[in-house]
């Protein structure tokens, strides 16, 4: 029985890459259902995403692709199936609720394995979905101790991605390094504007006419990781910071769920501090 795979390749651009790749796929009797390519003109880097159907020895396929591609080539081949995620939250439920509901109705290409929080206020709600909830208090412990406990829990689930659904704590470099380009955060502003805490207060004080949300991969720089998805809504002078925050909740949950679906569908390449996103 044929299976569906997604093949992601990025490498230095050179002549004949598509021919070389598709020739290997043909020899292994894969059919290309969809194919997208892009070459970054700044650094002459090649990106290709292919959806494939077939039945073959994937180890042999990967080996053959490595032989025909430049030495710096990154090759990812994944079977089309749900990915596993762990969600980190604090007190707010709107982004978490969006993901729980979508997953419950099979509208999210993910298995939510667990929810971890530094408060216990969402415990009863999460358990309604028969998903484990882990309360790890940040009080009376050091940041290192707190993160160590969280990492122990995460390691038990071995998730493909970690989602920060309004997790209002800054992660250490050591934590981030263990899950490089695997942590997705929602920030409640249209980055790079209003980085850090209280972006709605910052927006109100500047008298902005739009507010937005940004989903991005987490790196060592606060709210400056590669951007996956963004969107905005209009506001006006009649709204104060609290009213802006209430209006912003809808855009936050939409942007996070949209970004996560893009990532789960293997449509994102990280290129330095930018992303290449195929639609």
Foldseek 3Di string as FASTA:
>chain_A
DKFKKKKKKKDADDPPLVVQLVVLCVVQVKDWPDKDWDADPVRRMIIIMTIIIDDGDVVVSVVSSCVPDDVPMDMDMGTQAAFEEEEEAEADCLLVVLVLVCVVVVNASHDHAEYEYLDCNCVVVVCVSVHHYHHQHPPPDDLVVSVVVVVVVCVVVPGQAYEYRHHQDDDAQVSCVVQPQRYKYKDFFQPPPQFDPLSLQVCLVVFDFKGKMWIARDHNDGPQAATQFMDIDTDGNVDHSVNVVVVSSVRRSVGRRVSNRQVRVVQWDDDPRYIHGDD
